[in-house]
């Protein structure tokens, strides 16, 4: 099951990079909780879609995910922490960033959903 949680996280990032809203929403528990440098937010599906659409002009490439730590707390609940390196392209300008991330995954009606995601930018 630990590998399953890691693969779900990779699917989520790949769907974000591909602007695949359907896959991202299928993998998200709503409302979800997001934490990042701008604070803590509880996001419903409508607000999530609005933010997703605002980012469609940005290209994103996942350079790598490493240092993964996964704990299965039950058959229906797992947590993961890792670092991710991302390349962003906005208006032909490319930047790279690194973040320490964590997610909480729950199984609802036989399907895994991300209920919480946290990102902390790592100084490079």
C-alpha atoms as a PDB file:
ATOM      1  CA  UNK A   1       0.000   0.000   0.000  1.00  0.00           C
ATOM      2  CA  UNK A   2       2.909   2.394   0.592  1.00  0.00           C
ATOM      3  CA  UNK A   3       3.827   2.273  -3.092  1.00  0.00           C
ATOM      4  CA  UNK A   4       0.183   2.944  -3.970  1.00  0.00           C
ATOM      5  CA  UNK A   5       0.222   6.223  -2.012  1.00  0.00           C
ATOM      6  CA  UNK A   6       3.448   7.315  -3.736  1.00  0.00           C
ATOM      7  CA  UNK A   7       1.974   6.459  -7.141  1.00  0.00           C
ATOM      8  CA  UNK A   8      -1.192   8.430  -6.332  1.00  0.00           C
ATOM      9  CA  UNK A   9       0.919  11.447  -5.443  1.00  0.00           C
ATOM     10  CA  UNK A  10       2.838  11.121  -8.728  1.00  0.00           C
ATOM     11  CA  UNK A  11      -0.456  10.819 -10.656  1.00  0.00           C
ATOM     12  CA  UNK A  12      -1.699  13.971  -8.967  1.00  0.00           C
ATOM     13  CA  UNK A  13       1.408  15.967  -9.940  1.00  0.00           C
ATOM     14  CA  UNK A  14       1.308  14.618 -13.503  1.00  0.00           C
ATOM     15  CA  UNK A  15      -2.342  15.651 -13.819  1.00  0.00           C
ATOM     16  CA  UNK A  16      -1.530  19.118 -12.475  1.00  0.00           C
ATOM     17  CA  UNK A  17       1.289  19.487 -15.021  1.00  0.00           C
ATOM     18  CA  UNK A  18      -1.005  18.290 -17.829  1.00  0.00           C
ATOM     19  CA  UNK A  19      -3.843  20.629 -16.730  1.00  0.00           C
ATOM     20  CA  UNK A  20      -6.027  17.513 -16.397  1.00  0.00           C
ATOM     21  CA  UNK A  21      -8.779  18.876 -14.176  1.00  0.00           C
ATOM     22  CA  UNK A  22     -10.875  15.681 -14.280  1.00  0.00           C
ATOM     23  CA  UNK A  23      -8.069  13.504 -12.903  1.00  0.00           C
ATOM     24  CA  UNK A  24      -7.136  16.062 -10.262  1.00  0.00           C
ATOM     25  CA  UNK A  25     -10.717  16.360  -9.017  1.00  0.00           C
ATOM     26  CA  UNK A  26     -11.148  12.570  -9.061  1.00  0.00           C
ATOM     27  CA  UNK A  27      -8.128  12.349  -6.746  1.00  0.00           C
ATOM     28  CA  UNK A  28      -9.253  15.144  -4.395  1.00  0.00           C
ATOM     29  CA  UNK A  29     -11.533  14.982  -1.368  1.00  0.00           C
ATOM     30  CA  UNK A  30     -13.663  18.148  -1.200  1.00  0.00           C
ATOM     31  CA  UNK A  31     -13.477  20.315   0.689  1.00  0.00           C
ATOM     32  CA  UNK A  32      -9.719  19.808   0.892  1.00  0.00           C
ATOM     33  CA  UNK A  33      -7.266  21.620   3.119  1.00  0.00           C
ATOM     34  CA  UNK A  34      -4.230  23.281   1.549  1.00  0.00           C
ATOM     35  CA  UNK A  35      -1.330  24.881   3.375  1.00  0.00           C
ATOM     36  CA  UNK A  36       1.470  26.863   1.760  1.00  0.00           C
ATOM     37  CA  UNK A  37       3.390  30.118   2.145  1.00  0.00           C
ATOM     38  CA  UNK A  38       0.120  32.064   1.802  1.00  0.00           C
ATOM     39  CA  UNK A  39      -1.468  30.314   4.771  1.00  0.00           C
ATOM     40  CA  UNK A  40      -4.158  27.717   5.317  1.00  0.00           C
ATOM     41  CA  UNK A  41      -7.218  27.320   3.125  1.00  0.00           C
ATOM     42  CA  UNK A  42     -10.195  25.001   3.003  1.00  0.00           C
ATOM     43  CA  UNK A  43     -11.128  24.704  -0.663  1.00  0.00           C
ATOM     44  CA  UNK A  44     -14.366  23.444  -2.179  1.00  0.00           C
ATOM     45  CA  UNK A  45     -14.553  22.103  -5.731  1.00  0.00           C
ATOM     46  CA  UNK A  46     -15.719  25.409  -7.251  1.00  0.00           C
ATOM     47  CA  UNK A  47     -12.875  27.422  -5.689  1.00  0.00           C
ATOM     48  CA  UNK A  48     -10.422  24.685  -6.661  1.00  0.00           C
ATOM     49  CA  UNK A  49     -11.575  24.890 -10.289  1.00  0.00           C
ATOM     50  CA  UNK A  50     -11.212  28.687 -10.306  1.00  0.00           C
ATOM     51  CA  UNK A  51      -7.616  28.448  -9.063  1.00  0.00           C
ATOM     52  CA  UNK A  52      -6.889  25.635 -11.494  1.00  0.00           C
ATOM     53  CA  UNK A  53      -8.132  27.700 -14.436  1.00  0.00           C
ATOM     54  CA  UNK A  54      -6.027  30.709 -13.385  1.00  0.00           C
ATOM     55  CA  UNK A  55      -2.913  28.542 -13.689  1.00  0.00           C
ATOM     56  CA  UNK A  56      -3.643  27.217 -17.184  1.00  0.00           C
ATOM     57  CA  UNK A  57      -1.267  29.748 -18.788  1.00  0.00           C
ATOM     58  CA  UNK A  58       1.585  28.355 -16.720  1.00  0.00           C
ATOM     59  CA  UNK A  59       3.547  25.330 -17.901  1.00  0.00           C
ATOM     60  CA  UNK A  60       4.796  23.047 -15.184  1.00  0.00           C
ATOM     61  CA  UNK A  61       7.218  20.142 -15.312  1.00  0.00           C
ATOM     62  CA  UNK A  62       7.940  17.868 -12.381  1.00  0.00           C
ATOM     63  CA  UNK A  63      11.724  17.526 -12.378  1.00  0.00           C
ATOM     64  CA  UNK A  64      11.781  14.997  -9.559  1.00  0.00           C
ATOM     65  CA  UNK A  65      10.221  13.620  -6.403  1.00  0.00           C
ATOM     66  CA  UNK A  66      12.578  12.218  -3.776  1.00  0.00           C
ATOM     67  CA  UNK A  67      13.105  11.501  -0.076  1.00  0.00           C
ATOM     68  CA  UNK A  68       9.662   9.897   0.113  1.00  0.00           C
ATOM     69  CA  UNK A  69       8.370   8.811   3.499  1.00  0.00           C
ATOM     70  CA  UNK A  70       5.042   6.974   3.586  1.00  0.00           C
ATOM     71  CA  UNK A  71       3.098   5.699   6.586  1.00  0.00           C
ATOM     72  CA  UNK A  72      -0.057   3.660   6.356  1.00  0.00           C
ATOM     73  CA  UNK A  73      -2.073   4.436   9.471  1.00  0.00           C
ATOM     74  CA  UNK A  74      -4.879   2.070   8.469  1.00  0.00           C
ATOM     75  CA  UNK A  75      -6.082   0.297   5.326  1.00  0.00           C
ATOM     76  CA  UNK A  76      -7.992   3.480   4.429  1.00  0.00           C
ATOM     77  CA  UNK A  77      -5.611   6.229   5.543  1.00  0.00           C
ATOM     78  CA  UNK A  78      -2.052   7.005   4.502  1.00  0.00           C
ATOM     79  CA  UNK A  79       0.291   9.956   4.767  1.00  0.00           C
ATOM     80  CA  UNK A  80       3.286  10.891   2.654  1.00  0.00           C
ATOM     81  CA  UNK A  81       6.096  13.423   2.885  1.00  0.00           C
ATOM     82  CA  UNK A  82       8.683  14.131   0.180  1.00  0.00           C
ATOM     83  CA  UNK A  83      10.570  16.824  -1.675  1.00  0.00           C
ATOM     84  CA  UNK A  84       9.608  17.902  -5.167  1.00  0.00           C
ATOM     85  CA  UNK A  85      11.479  19.978  -7.712  1.00  0.00           C
ATOM     86  CA  UNK A  86       9.319  21.842 -10.218  1.00  0.00           C
ATOM     87  CA  UNK A  87      10.097  23.837 -13.319  1.00  0.00           C
ATOM     88  CA  UNK A  88       7.593  26.604 -14.140  1.00  0.00           C
ATOM     89  CA  UNK A  89       7.316  28.479 -17.425  1.00  0.00           C
ATOM     90  CA  UNK A  90       5.250  31.675 -17.408  1.00  0.00           C
ATOM     91  CA  UNK A  91       5.376  34.043 -20.389  1.00  0.00           C
ATOM     92  CA  UNK A  92       8.549  32.342 -21.696  1.00  0.00           C
ATOM     93  CA  UNK A  93      10.350  32.795 -18.351  1.00  0.00           C
ATOM     94  CA  UNK A  94      11.536  29.582 -16.696  1.00  0.00           C
ATOM     95  CA  UNK A  95      12.046  29.209 -12.952  1.00  0.00           C
ATOM     96  CA  UNK A  96      12.764  26.217 -10.744  1.00  0.00           C
ATOM     97  CA  UNK A  97      11.624  25.662  -7.208  1.00  0.00           C
ATOM     98  CA  UNK A  98      11.894  22.989  -4.543  1.00  0.00           C
ATOM     99  CA  UNK A  99       9.350  22.242  -1.871  1.00  0.00           C
ATOM    100  CA  UNK A 100       8.871  19.881   1.023  1.00  0.00           C
ATOM    101  CA  UNK A 101       5.371  18.456   0.664  1.00  0.00           C
ATOM    102  CA  UNK A 102       3.027  16.281   2.653  1.00  0.00           C
ATOM    103  CA  UNK A 103      -0.360  14.824   1.827  1.00  0.00           C
ATOM    104  CA  UNK A 104      -3.007  12.830   3.627  1.00  0.00           C
ATOM    105  CA  UNK A 105      -4.874  10.224   1.563  1.00  0.00           C
ATOM    106  CA  UNK A 106      -8.152   8.585   2.566  1.00  0.00           C
ATOM    107  CA  UNK A 107     -10.064   5.809   0.869  1.00  0.00           C
ATOM    108  CA  UNK A 108     -13.716   6.721   0.228  1.00  0.00           C
ATOM    109  CA  UNK A 109     -16.039   4.206  -1.406  1.00  0.00           C
ATOM    110  CA  UNK A 110     -13.018   2.216  -2.562  1.00  0.00           C
ATOM    111  CA  UNK A 111     -11.266   5.236  -4.162  1.00  0.00           C
ATOM    112  CA  UNK A 112      -8.228   7.070  -2.793  1.00  0.00           C
ATOM    113  CA  UNK A 113      -8.647  10.840  -2.324  1.00  0.00           C
ATOM    114  CA  UNK A 114      -6.227  13.515  -1.136  1.00  0.00           C
ATOM    115  CA  UNK A 115      -7.834  15.415   1.758  1.00  0.00           C
ATOM    116  CA  UNK A 116      -4.849  17.538   2.806  1.00  0.00           C
ATOM    117  CA  UNK A 117      -1.797  18.856   0.983  1.00  0.00           C
ATOM    118  CA  UNK A 118       0.956  21.027   2.385  1.00  0.00           C
ATOM    119  CA  UNK A 119       3.920  22.672   0.627  1.00  0.00           C
ATOM    120  CA  UNK A 120       6.833  24.522   2.121  1.00  0.00           C
ATOM    121  CA  UNK A 121       9.293  26.113  -0.273  1.00  0.00           C
ATOM    122  CA  UNK A 122      12.893  25.063   0.286  1.00  0.00           C
ATOM    123  CA  UNK A 123      15.554  27.732  -0.121  1.00  0.00           C
ATOM    124  CA  UNK A 124      18.009  26.732  -2.821  1.00  0.00           C
END
